[in-house]
Amino acid sequence: DLLIDKYFNGKAAIFGKGQPEKKQKNFQYVFVSIYEDSEYAYIAVVGK
């Protein structure tokens, strides 16, 4: 809810155009996850 309201608002694609019973928003993002232990940190994944 927070992400949609604050960061993704107005950025969604629409699927099911012309089909009121199926029309729905889709949100896309790129992400970078970070691994961390007591000694090291790494970028684990760059993905979407």
All heavy atoms as atom14 arrays in JSON, in Angstrom:
{
  "sequence": "DLLIDKYFNGKAAIFGKGQPEKKQKNFQYVFVSIYEDSEYAYIAVVGK",
  "atom14_mask": [
    [1, 1, 1, 1, 1, 1, 1, 1, 0, 0, 0, 0, 0, 0],
    [1, 1, 1, 1, 1, 1, 1, 1, 0, 0, 0, 0, 0, 0],
    [1, 1, 1, 1, 1, 1, 1, 1, 0, 0, 0, 0, 0, 0],
    [1, 1, 1, 1, 1, 1, 1, 1, 0, 0, 0, 0, 0, 0],
    [1, 1, 1, 1, 1, 1, 1, 1, 0, 0, 0, 0, 0, 0],
    [1, 1, 1, 1, 1, 1, 1, 1, 1, 0, 0, 0, 0, 0],
    [1, 1, 1, 1, 1, 1, 1, 1, 1, 1, 1, 1, 0, 0],
    [1, 1, 1, 1, 1, 1, 1, 1, 1, 1, 1, 0, 0, 0],
    [1, 1, 1, 1, 1, 1, 1, 1, 0, 0, 0, 0, 0, 0],
    [1, 1, 1, 1, 0, 0, 0, 0, 0, 0, 0, 0, 0, 0],
    [1, 1, 1, 1, 1, 1, 1, 1, 1, 0, 0, 0, 0, 0],
    [1, 1, 1, 1, 1, 0, 0, 0, 0, 0, 0, 0, 0, 0],
    [1, 1, 1, 1, 1, 0, 0, 0, 0, 0, 0, 0, 0, 0],
    [1, 1, 1, 1, 1, 1, 1, 1, 0, 0, 0, 0, 0, 0],
    [1, 1, 1, 1, 1, 1, 1, 1, 1, 1, 1, 0, 0, 0],
    [1, 1, 1, 1, 0, 0, 0, 0, 0, 0, 0, 0, 0, 0],
    [1, 1, 1, 1, 1, 1, 1, 1, 1, 0, 0, 0, 0, 0],
    [1, 1, 1, 1, 0, 0, 0, 0, 0, 0, 0, 0, 0, 0],
    [1, 1, 1, 1, 1, 1, 1, 1, 1, 0, 0, 0, 0, 0],
    [1, 1, 1, 1, 1, 1, 1, 0, 0, 0, 0, 0, 0, 0],
    [1, 1, 1, 1, 1, 1, 1, 1, 1, 0, 0, 0, 0, 0],
    [1, 1, 1, 1, 1, 1, 1, 1, 1, 0, 0, 0, 0, 0],
    [1, 1, 1, 1, 1, 1, 1, 1, 1, 0, 0, 0, 0, 0],
    [1, 1, 1, 1, 1, 1, 1, 1, 1, 0, 0, 0, 0, 0],
    [1, 1, 1, 1, 1, 1, 1, 1, 1, 0, 0, 0, 0, 0],
    [1, 1, 1, 1, 1, 1, 1, 1, 0, 0, 0, 0, 0, 0],
    [1, 1, 1, 1, 1, 1, 1, 1, 1, 1, 1, 0, 0, 0],
    [1, 1, 1, 1, 1, 1, 1, 1, 1, 0, 0, 0, 0, 0],
    [1, 1, 1, 1, 1, 1, 1, 1, 1, 1, 1, 1, 0, 0],
    [1, 1, 1, 1, 1, 1, 1, 0, 0, 0, 0, 0, 0, 0],
    [1, 1, 1, 1, 1, 1, 1, 1, 1, 1, 1, 0, 0, 0],
    [1, 1, 1, 1, 1, 1, 1, 0, 0, 0, 0, 0, 0, 0],
    [1, 1, 1, 1, 1, 1, 0, 0, 0, 0, 0, 0, 0, 0],
    [1, 1, 1, 1, 1, 1, 1, 1, 0, 0, 0, 0, 0, 0],
    [1, 1, 1, 1, 1, 1, 1, 1, 1, 1, 1, 1, 0, 0],
    [1, 1, 1, 1, 1, 1, 1, 1, 1, 0, 0, 0, 0, 0],
    [1, 1, 1, 1, 1, 1, 1, 1, 0, 0, 0, 0, 0, 0],
    [1, 1, 1, 1, 1, 1, 0, 0, 0, 0, 0, 0, 0, 0],
    [1, 1, 1, 1, 1, 1, 1, 1, 1, 0, 0, 0, 0, 0],
    [1, 1, 1, 1, 1, 1, 1, 1, 1, 1, 1, 1, 0, 0],
    [1, 1, 1, 1, 1, 0, 0, 0, 0, 0, 0, 0, 0, 0],
    [1, 1, 1, 1, 1, 1, 1, 1, 1, 1, 1, 1, 0, 0],
    [1, 1, 1, 1, 1, 1, 1, 1, 0, 0, 0, 0, 0, 0],
    [1, 1, 1, 1, 1, 0, 0, 0, 0, 0, 0, 0, 0, 0],
    [1, 1, 1, 1, 1, 1, 1, 0, 0, 0, 0, 0, 0, 0],
    [1, 1, 1, 1, 1, 1, 1, 0, 0, 0, 0, 0, 0, 0],
    [1, 1, 1, 1, 0, 0, 0, 0, 0, 0, 0, 0, 0, 0],
    [1, 1, 1, 1, 1, 1, 1, 1, 1, 0, 0, 0, 0, 0]
  ],
  "atom14_positions": [
    [[0.83, -1.21, 0.0], [0.0, 0.0, 0.0], [0.87, 1.26, 0.0], [0.6, 2.21, -0.74], [-0.92, 0.01, 1.22], [-2.02, -1.02, 1.13], [-2.37, -1.43, 0.01], [-2.53, -1.44, 2.2], [0.0, 0.0, 0.0], [0.0, 0.0, 0.0], [0.0, 0.0, 0.0], [0.0, 0.0, 0.0], [0.0, 0.0, 0.0], [0.0, 0.0, 0.0]],
    [[1.89, 1.26, 0.84], [2.79, 2.41, 0.93], [3.51, 2.66, -0.39], [3.58, 3.81, -0.88], [3.81, 2.19, 2.04], [4.91, 3.25, 2.16], [4.33, 4.59, 2.58], [5.99, 2.8, 3.15], [0.0, 0.0, 0.0], [0.0, 0.0, 0.0], [0.0, 0.0, 0.0], [0.0, 0.0, 0.0], [0.0, 0.0, 0.0], [0.0, 0.0, 0.0]],
    [[4.05, 1.61, -0.98], [4.78, 1.76, -2.24], [3.89, 2.29, -3.35], [4.28, 3.2, -4.09], [5.39, 0.42, -2.65], [6.56, -0.1, -1.81], [6.95, -1.51, -2.24], [7.76, 0.82, -1.9], [0.0, 0.0, 0.0], [0.0, 0.0, 0.0], [0.0, 0.0, 0.0], [0.0, 0.0, 0.0], [0.0, 0.0, 0.0], [0.0, 0.0, 0.0]],
    [[2.69, 1.74, -3.46], [1.78, 2.19, -4.51], [1.39, 3.65, -4.3], [1.43, 4.47, -5.23], [0.53, 1.29, -4.57], [0.91, -0.11, -5.1], [-0.55, 1.91, -5.46], [-0.22, -1.11, -5.04], [0.0, 0.0, 0.0], [0.0, 0.0, 0.0], [0.0, 0.0, 0.0], [0.0, 0.0, 0.0], [0.0, 0.0, 0.0], [0.0, 0.0, 0.0]],
    [[1.01, 4.0, -3.08], [0.53, 5.35, -2.8], [1.62, 6.4, -2.93], [1.39, 7.49, -3.45], [-0.08, 5.41, -1.4], [-1.37, 4.63, -1.28], [-1.96, 4.3, -2.32], [-1.78, 4.31, -0.14], [0.0, 0.0, 0.0], [0.0, 0.0, 0.0], [0.0, 0.0, 0.0], [0.0, 0.0, 0.0], [0.0, 0.0, 0.0], [0.0, 0.0, 0.0]],
    [[2.83, 6.08, -2.47], [3.87, 7.1, -2.36], [4.87, 7.09, -3.5], [5.38, 8.14, -3.89], [4.61, 6.92, -1.03], [5.54, 8.07, -0.69], [6.06, 7.96, 0.74], [6.98, 9.14, 1.08], [7.48, 9.05, 2.48], [0.0, 0.0, 0.0], [0.0, 0.0, 0.0], [0.0, 0.0, 0.0], [0.0, 0.0, 0.0], [0.0, 0.0, 0.0]],
    [[5.17, 5.91, -4.06], [6.28, 5.81, -5.01], [5.86, 5.35, -6.42], [6.51, 5.71, -7.39], [7.35, 4.87, -4.48], [7.94, 5.32, -3.17], [7.56, 4.74, -1.96], [8.86, 6.38, -3.12], [8.1, 5.17, -0.75], [9.4, 6.81, -1.93], [9.01, 6.21, -0.74], [9.53, 6.64, 0.46], [0.0, 0.0, 0.0], [0.0, 0.0, 0.0]],
    [[4.82, 4.55, -6.51], [4.4, 4.03, -7.82], [3.16, 4.72, -8.37], [2.7, 4.38, -9.45], [4.12, 2.52, -7.72], [5.35, 1.66, -7.64], [5.97, 1.45, -6.42], [5.87, 1.06, -8.77], [7.1, 0.64, -6.33], [7.0, 0.25, -8.69], [7.62, 0.04, -7.47], [0.0, 0.0, 0.0], [0.0, 0.0, 0.0], [0.0, 0.0, 0.0]],
    [[2.62, 5.66, -7.65], [1.4, 6.33, -8.06], [1.55, 6.98, -9.44], [2.47, 7.76, -9.66], [1.01, 7.38, -7.03], [-0.38, 7.94, -7.26], [-1.22, 7.28, -7.87], [-0.63, 9.13, -6.79], [0.0, 0.0, 0.0], [0.0, 0.0, 0.0], [0.0, 0.0, 0.0], [0.0, 0.0, 0.0], [0.0, 0.0, 0.0], [0.0, 0.0, 0.0]],
    [[0.65, 6.64, -10.36], [0.7, 7.21, -11.7], [1.67, 6.54, -12.64], [1.86, 7.0, -13.77], [0.0, 0.0, 0.0], [0.0, 0.0, 0.0], [0.0, 0.0, 0.0], [0.0, 0.0, 0.0], [0.0, 0.0, 0.0], [0.0, 0.0, 0.0], [0.0, 0.0, 0.0], [0.0, 0.0, 0.0], [0.0, 0.0, 0.0], [0.0, 0.0, 0.0]],
    [[2.31, 5.45, -12.21], [3.34, 4.8, -13.02], [2.94, 3.42, -13.52], [3.77, 2.67, -14.04], [4.64, 4.69, -12.21], [5.28, 6.03, -11.87], [6.57, 5.84, -11.07], [7.36, 7.14, -10.95], [6.66, 8.16, -10.16], [0.0, 0.0, 0.0], [0.0, 0.0, 0.0], [0.0, 0.0, 0.0], [0.0, 0.0, 0.0], [0.0, 0.0, 0.0]],
    [[1.67, 3.05, -13.39], [1.24, 1.68, -13.71], [0.81, 1.52, -15.16], [0.2, 2.43, -15.75], [0.09, 1.27, -12.8], [0.0, 0.0, 0.0], [0.0, 0.0, 0.0], [0.0, 0.0, 0.0], [0.0, 0.0, 0.0], [0.0, 0.0, 0.0], [0.0, 0.0, 0.0], [0.0, 0.0, 0.0], [0.0, 0.0, 0.0], [0.0, 0.0, 0.0]],
    [[1.09, 0.35, -15.72], [0.52, -0.05, -17.0], [-0.88, -0.61, -16.74], [-1.2, -1.05, -15.63], [1.4, -1.12, -17.65], [0.0, 0.0, 0.0], [0.0, 0.0, 0.0], [0.0, 0.0, 0.0], [0.0, 0.0, 0.0], [0.0, 0.0, 0.0], [0.0, 0.0, 0.0], [0.0, 0.0, 0.0], [0.0, 0.0, 0.0], [0.0, 0.0, 0.0]],
    [[-1.72, -0.59, -17.77], [-3.08, -1.12, -17.66], [-3.21, -2.36, -18.54], [-2.96, -2.31, -19.75], [-4.14, -0.09, -18.09], [-4.09, 1.14, -17.18], [-5.54, -0.71, -18.08], [-4.55, 0.9, -15.76], [0.0, 0.0, 0.0], [0.0, 0.0, 0.0], [0.0, 0.0, 0.0], [0.0, 0.0, 0.0], [0.0, 0.0, 0.0], [0.0, 0.0, 0.0]],
    [[-3.58, -3.47, -17.93], [-3.85, -4.7, -18.67], [-5.36, -4.95, -18.67], [-6.07, -4.55, -17.75], [-3.14, -5.88, -18.01], [-1.67, -5.93, -18.3], [-0.8, -4.99, -17.76], [-1.14, -6.91, -19.14], [0.56, -5.02, -18.04], [0.21, -6.95, -19.41], [1.07, -6.0, -18.87], [0.0, 0.0, 0.0], [0.0, 0.0, 0.0], [0.0, 0.0, 0.0]],
    [[-5.86, -5.62, -19.7], [-7.29, -5.89, -19.8], [-8.09, -4.7, -20.27], [-9.27, -4.57, -19.94], [0.0, 0.0, 0.0], [0.0, 0.0, 0.0], [0.0, 0.0, 0.0], [0.0, 0.0, 0.0], [0.0, 0.0, 0.0], [0.0, 0.0, 0.0], [0.0, 0.0, 0.0], [0.0, 0.0, 0.0], [0.0, 0.0, 0.0], [0.0, 0.0, 0.0]],
    [[-7.48, -3.82, -21.05], [-8.17, -2.63, -21.56], [-9.43, -3.05, -22.33], [-9.41, -3.97, -23.13], [-7.24, -1.86, -22.48], [-7.83, -0.59, -23.06], [-6.85, 0.08, -24.01], [-7.47, 1.31, -24.65], [-6.55, 1.94, -25.63], [0.0, 0.0, 0.0], [0.0, 0.0, 0.0], [0.0, 0.0, 0.0], [0.0, 0.0, 0.0], [0.0, 0.0, 0.0]],
    [[-10.54, -2.36, -22.04], [-11.8, -2.67, -22.71], [-12.55, -3.82, -22.08], [-13.62, -4.21, -22.56], [0.0, 0.0, 0.0], [0.0, 0.0, 0.0], [0.0, 0.0, 0.0], [0.0, 0.0, 0.0], [0.0, 0.0, 0.0], [0.0, 0.0, 0.0], [0.0, 0.0, 0.0], [0.0, 0.0, 0.0], [0.0, 0.0, 0.0], [0.0, 0.0, 0.0]],
    [[-12.01, -4.38, -20.98], [-12.67, -5.48, -20.28], [-12.84, -5.09, -18.81], [-11.99, -5.4, -17.98], [-11.84, -6.76, -20.39], [-11.54, -7.17, -21.83], [-10.66, -8.39, -21.91], [-11.06, -9.48, -21.51], [-9.45, -8.21, -22.42], [0.0, 0.0, 0.0], [0.0, 0.0, 0.0], [0.0, 0.0, 0.0], [0.0, 0.0, 0.0], [0.0, 0.0, 0.0]],
    [[-13.91, -4.37, -18.48], [-14.08, -3.81, -17.14], [-13.95, -4.83, -16.01], [-13.49, -4.52, -14.92], [-15.5, -3.23, -17.18], [-15.76, -2.99, -18.63], [-15.03, -4.05, -19.37], [0.0, 0.0, 0.0], [0.0, 0.0, 0.0], [0.0, 0.0, 0.0], [0.0, 0.0, 0.0], [0.0, 0.0, 0.0], [0.0, 0.0, 0.0], [0.0, 0.0, 0.0]],
    [[-14.34, -6.09, -16.29], [-14.29, -7.11, -15.24], [-12.89, -7.68, -15.04], [-12.67, -8.46, -14.11], [-15.29, -8.23, -15.55], [-14.87, -9.2, -16.64], [-14.98, -8.62, -18.06], [-15.39, -7.47, -18.22], [-14.65, -9.36, -19.0], [0.0, 0.0, 0.0], [0.0, 0.0, 0.0], [0.0, 0.0, 0.0], [0.0, 0.0, 0.0], [0.0, 0.0, 0.0]],
    [[-11.93, -7.27, -15.89], [-10.58, -7.82, -15.8], [-9.48, -6.76, -15.79], [-8.32, -7.08, -15.53], [-10.33, -8.79, -16.96], [-11.23, -10.02, -16.93], [-10.95, -10.94, -18.11], [-11.83, -12.18, -18.04], [-11.6, -13.09, -19.19], [0.0, 0.0, 0.0], [0.0, 0.0, 0.0], [0.0, 0.0, 0.0], [0.0, 0.0, 0.0], [0.0, 0.0, 0.0]],
    [[-9.81, -5.53, -16.06], [-8.83, -4.45, -16.18], [-8.09, -4.24, -14.85], [-8.71, -4.14, -13.8], [-9.56, -3.17, -16.59], [-8.69, -2.03, -17.01], [-9.58, -0.88, -17.51], [-8.77, 0.34, -17.86], [-9.66, 1.48, -18.27], [0.0, 0.0, 0.0], [0.0, 0.0, 0.0], [0.0, 0.0, 0.0], [0.0, 0.0, 0.0], [0.0, 0.0, 0.0]],
    [[-6.75, -4.18, -14.91], [-5.95, -4.13, -13.69], [-4.61, -3.44, -13.94], [-4.04, -3.54, -15.02], [-5.73, -5.55, -13.16], [-5.18, -5.64, -11.75], [-5.25, -7.06, -11.22], [-5.47, -8.01, -11.97], [-5.08, -7.22, -9.93], [0.0, 0.0, 0.0], [0.0, 0.0, 0.0], [0.0, 0.0, 0.0], [0.0, 0.0, 0.0], [0.0, 0.0, 0.0]],
    [[-4.1, -2.77, -12.91], [-2.83, -2.08, -13.0], [-1.66, -3.02, -12.7], [-1.75, -3.87, -11.81], [-2.77, -0.9, -12.02], [-3.67, 0.25, -12.4], [-3.6, 1.37, -11.36], [-4.5, 2.53, -11.75], [-4.54, 3.58, -10.7], [0.0, 0.0, 0.0], [0.0, 0.0, 0.0], [0.0, 0.0, 0.0], [0.0, 0.0, 0.0], [0.0, 0.0, 0.0]],
    [[-0.57, -2.81, -13.44], [0.67, -3.56, -13.24], [1.81, -2.58, -13.0], [1.96, -1.59, -13.72], [0.96, -4.42, -14.47], [2.3, -5.12, -14.41], [3.27, -4.66, -14.99], [2.34, -6.24, -13.7], [0.0, 0.0, 0.0], [0.0, 0.0, 0.0], [0.0, 0.0, 0.0], [0.0, 0.0, 0.0], [0.0, 0.0, 0.0], [0.0, 0.0, 0.0]],
    [[2.61, -2.85, -11.99], [3.72, -1.98, -11.61], [5.05, -2.7, -11.85], [5.2, -3.87, -11.49], [3.62, -1.6, -10.13], [2.32, -0.93, -9.76], [1.24, -1.69, -9.33], [2.17, 0.44, -9.84], [0.04, -1.09, -8.97], [0.98, 1.05, -9.5], [-0.09, 0.29, -9.06], [0.0, 0.0, 0.0], [0.0, 0.0, 0.0], [0.0, 0.0, 0.0]],
    [[6.01, -1.99, -12.43], [7.31, -2.56, -12.75], [8.4, -1.88, -11.93], [8.33, -0.67, -11.67], [7.63, -2.36, -14.24], [6.69, -3.09, -15.19], [7.06, -4.54, -15.38], [8.22, -4.94, -15.19], [6.09, -5.35, -15.8], [0.0, 0.0, 0.0], [0.0, 0.0, 0.0], [0.0, 0.0, 0.0], [0.0, 0.0, 0.0], [0.0, 0.0, 0.0]],
    [[9.43, -2.65, -11.55], [10.56, -2.04, -10.84], [11.85, -2.79, -11.08], [11.86, -3.98, -11.4], [10.28, -1.95, -9.33], [10.13, -3.26, -8.6], [11.23, -3.89, -8.01], [8.88, -3.86, -8.45], [11.08, -5.08, -7.3], [8.71, -5.05, -7.75], [9.83, -5.66, -7.18], [9.68, -6.84, -6.5], [0.0, 0.0, 0.0], [0.0, 0.0, 0.0]],
    [[12.94, -2.05, -10.94], [14.29, -2.62, -10.92], [14.71, -2.66, -9.46], [14.37, -1.76, -8.68], [15.27, -1.77, -11.74], [16.7, -2.3, -11.61], [14.86, -1.74, -13.21], [0.0, 0.0, 0.0], [0.0, 0.0, 0.0], [0.0, 0.0, 0.0], [0.0, 0.0, 0.0], [0.0, 0.0, 0.0], [0.0, 0.0, 0.0], [0.0, 0.0, 0.0]],
    [[15.44, -3.69, -9.06], [15.87, -3.78, -7.67], [17.33, -4.21, -7.56], [17.87, -4.87, -8.46], [14.98, -4.73, -6.86], [15.13, -6.18, -7.23], [16.11, -6.98, -6.66], [14.27, -6.76, -8.16], [16.24, -8.32, -7.0], [14.4, -8.1, -8.51], [15.38, -8.88, -7.92], [0.0, 0.0, 0.0], [0.0, 0.0, 0.0], [0.0, 0.0, 0.0]],
    [[17.93, -3.82, -6.48], [19.27, -4.28, -6.12], [19.2, -4.76, -4.68], [18.83, -4.0, -3.79], [20.32, -3.15, -6.25], [21.68, -3.65, -5.78], [20.4, -2.64, -7.69], [0.0, 0.0, 0.0], [0.0, 0.0, 0.0], [0.0, 0.0, 0.0], [0.0, 0.0, 0.0], [0.0, 0.0, 0.0], [0.0, 0.0, 0.0], [0.0, 0.0, 0.0]],
    [[19.51, -6.03, -4.46], [19.5, -6.57, -3.11], [20.93, -6.7, -2.6], [21.85, -6.93, -3.39], [18.77, -7.92, -3.05], [19.4, -8.87, -3.88], [0.0, 0.0, 0.0], [0.0, 0.0, 0.0], [0.0, 0.0, 0.0], [0.0, 0.0, 0.0], [0.0, 0.0, 0.0], [0.0, 0.0, 0.0], [0.0, 0.0, 0.0], [0.0, 0.0, 0.0]],
    [[21.09, -6.55, -1.3], [22.43, -6.51, -0.7], [22.55, -7.59, 0.37], [21.71, -7.7, 1.27], [22.71, -5.12, -0.1], [22.68, -4.07, -1.21], [24.05, -5.1, 0.63], [22.74, -2.65, -0.74], [0.0, 0.0, 0.0], [0.0, 0.0, 0.0], [0.0, 0.0, 0.0], [0.0, 0.0, 0.0], [0.0, 0.0, 0.0], [0.0, 0.0, 0.0]],
    [[23.6, -8.39, 0.23], [23.93, -9.42, 1.21], [24.87, -8.81, 2.26], [25.77, -8.05, 1.93], [24.64, -10.59, 0.52], [25.29, -11.56, 1.47], [24.62, -12.69, 1.89], [26.58, -11.34, 1.94], [25.23, -13.59, 2.77], [27.19, -12.23, 2.81], [26.51, -13.34, 3.22], [27.1, -14.22, 4.09], [0.0, 0.0, 0.0], [0.0, 0.0, 0.0]],
    [[24.63, -9.19, 3.51], [25.49, -8.65, 4.57], [25.64, -9.67, 5.69], [24.66, -10.27, 6.15], [24.87, -7.37, 5.13], [25.72, -6.69, 6.19], [25.03, -5.45, 6.77], [23.79, -5.39, 6.72], [25.73, -4.58, 7.27], [0.0, 0.0, 0.0], [0.0, 0.0, 0.0], [0.0, 0.0, 0.0], [0.0, 0.0, 0.0], [0.0, 0.0, 0.0]],
    [[26.89, -9.89, 6.11], [27.13, -10.67, 7.32], [28.06, -9.86, 8.22], [28.26, -8.67, 8.02], [27.67, -12.07, 6.99], [29.01, -12.04, 6.28], [29.76, -11.05, 6.43], [29.32, -13.02, 5.57], [0.0, 0.0, 0.0], [0.0, 0.0, 0.0], [0.0, 0.0, 0.0], [0.0, 0.0, 0.0], [0.0, 0.0, 0.0], [0.0, 0.0, 0.0]],
    [[28.64, -10.5, 9.22], [29.46, -9.76, 10.2], [30.77, -9.23, 9.6], [31.39, -8.33, 10.16], [29.77, -10.65, 11.4], [30.45, -11.83, 10.97], [0.0, 0.0, 0.0], [0.0, 0.0, 0.0], [0.0, 0.0, 0.0], [0.0, 0.0, 0.0], [0.0, 0.0, 0.0], [0.0, 0.0, 0.0], [0.0, 0.0, 0.0], [0.0, 0.0, 0.0]],
    [[31.17, -9.78, 8.46], [32.45, -9.39, 7.87], [32.33, -8.67, 6.53], [33.12, -7.78, 6.23], [33.33, -10.64, 7.67], [33.71, -11.34, 8.96], [34.59, -12.55, 8.67], [35.46, -12.44, 7.78], [34.41, -13.58, 9.33], [0.0, 0.0, 0.0], [0.0, 0.0, 0.0], [0.0, 0.0, 0.0], [0.0, 0.0, 0.0], [0.0, 0.0, 0.0]],
    [[31.35, -9.07, 5.71], [31.31, -8.58, 4.34], [29.93, -8.06, 3.97], [28.92, -8.41, 4.59], [31.66, -9.71, 3.37], [32.99, -10.35, 3.62], [33.07, -11.61, 4.21], [34.18, -9.71, 3.27], [34.3, -12.22, 4.44], [35.41, -10.31, 3.5], [35.46, -11.55, 4.08], [36.66, -12.15, 4.31], [0.0, 0.0, 0.0], [0.0, 0.0, 0.0]],
    [[29.91, -7.26, 2.92], [28.67, -6.9, 2.26], [28.91, -7.04, 0.76], [29.99, -6.76, 0.26], [28.25, -5.47, 2.6], [0.0, 0.0, 0.0], [0.0, 0.0, 0.0], [0.0, 0.0, 0.0], [0.0, 0.0, 0.0], [0.0, 0.0, 0.0], [0.0, 0.0, 0.0], [0.0, 0.0, 0.0], [0.0, 0.0, 0.0], [0.0, 0.0, 0.0]],
    [[27.89, -7.52, 0.06], [27.97, -7.66, -1.39], [26.64, -7.22, -1.99], [25.6, -7.27, -1.32], [28.16, -9.12, -1.82], [29.38, -9.82, -1.31], [29.26, -10.86, -0.4], [30.64, -9.48, -1.77], [30.38, -11.54, 0.06], [31.77, -10.15, -1.32], [31.63, -11.18, -0.41], [32.73, -11.85, 0.03], [0.0, 0.0, 0.0], [0.0, 0.0, 0.0]],
    [[26.67, -6.83, -3.25], [25.42, -6.74, -4.0], [25.08, -8.17, -4.4], [25.86, -8.84, -5.08], [25.57, -5.84, -5.23], [25.7, -4.36, -4.78], [24.36, -5.99, -6.15], [25.91, -3.39, -5.9], [0.0, 0.0, 0.0], [0.0, 0.0, 0.0], [0.0, 0.0, 0.0], [0.0, 0.0, 0.0], [0.0, 0.0, 0.0], [0.0, 0.0, 0.0]],
    [[23.93, -8.63, -3.98], [23.54, -10.02, -4.26], [22.93, -10.14, -5.65], [23.35, -10.98, -6.45], [22.57, -10.52, -3.22], [0.0, 0.0, 0.0], [0.0, 0.0, 0.0], [0.0, 0.0, 0.0], [0.0, 0.0, 0.0], [0.0, 0.0, 0.0], [0.0, 0.0, 0.0], [0.0, 0.0, 0.0], [0.0, 0.0, 0.0], [0.0, 0.0, 0.0]],
    [[21.95, -9.31, -5.96], [21.24, -9.42, -7.23], [20.91, -8.03, -7.75], [20.48, -7.16, -7.0], [19.92, -10.2, -7.08], [19.22, -10.34, -8.43], [20.15, -11.57, -6.48], [0.0, 0.0, 0.0], [0.0, 0.0, 0.0], [0.0, 0.0, 0.0], [0.0, 0.0, 0.0], [0.0, 0.0, 0.0], [0.0, 0.0, 0.0], [0.0, 0.0, 0.0]],
    [[21.12, -7.83, -9.05], [20.52, -6.7, -9.77], [19.46, -7.32, -10.67], [19.78, -8.12, -11.54], [21.56, -5.94, -10.62], [20.89, -4.77, -11.32], [22.71, -5.45, -9.75], [0.0, 0.0, 0.0], [0.0, 0.0, 0.0], [0.0, 0.0, 0.0], [0.0, 0.0, 0.0], [0.0, 0.0, 0.0], [0.0, 0.0, 0.0], [0.0, 0.0, 0.0]],
    [[18.2, -6.99, -10.42], [17.13, -7.65, -11.16], [15.96, -6.73, -11.42], [16.01, -5.53, -11.13], [0.0, 0.0, 0.0], [0.0, 0.0, 0.0], [0.0, 0.0, 0.0], [0.0, 0.0, 0.0], [0.0, 0.0, 0.0], [0.0, 0.0, 0.0], [0.0, 0.0, 0.0], [0.0, 0.0, 0.0], [0.0, 0.0, 0.0], [0.0, 0.0, 0.0]],
    [[14.9, -7.3, -11.99], [13.66, -6.56, -12.17], [12.5, -7.47, -11.82], [12.6, -8.7, -11.87], [13.51, -6.02, -13.59], [13.44, -7.03, -14.72], [12.08, -7.66, -14.98], [11.0, -6.69, -15.29], [9.68, -7.42, -15.43], [0.0, 0.0, 0.0], [0.0, 0.0, 0.0], [0.0, 0.0, 0.0], [0.0, 0.0, 0.0], [0.0, 0.0, 0.0]]
  ]
}
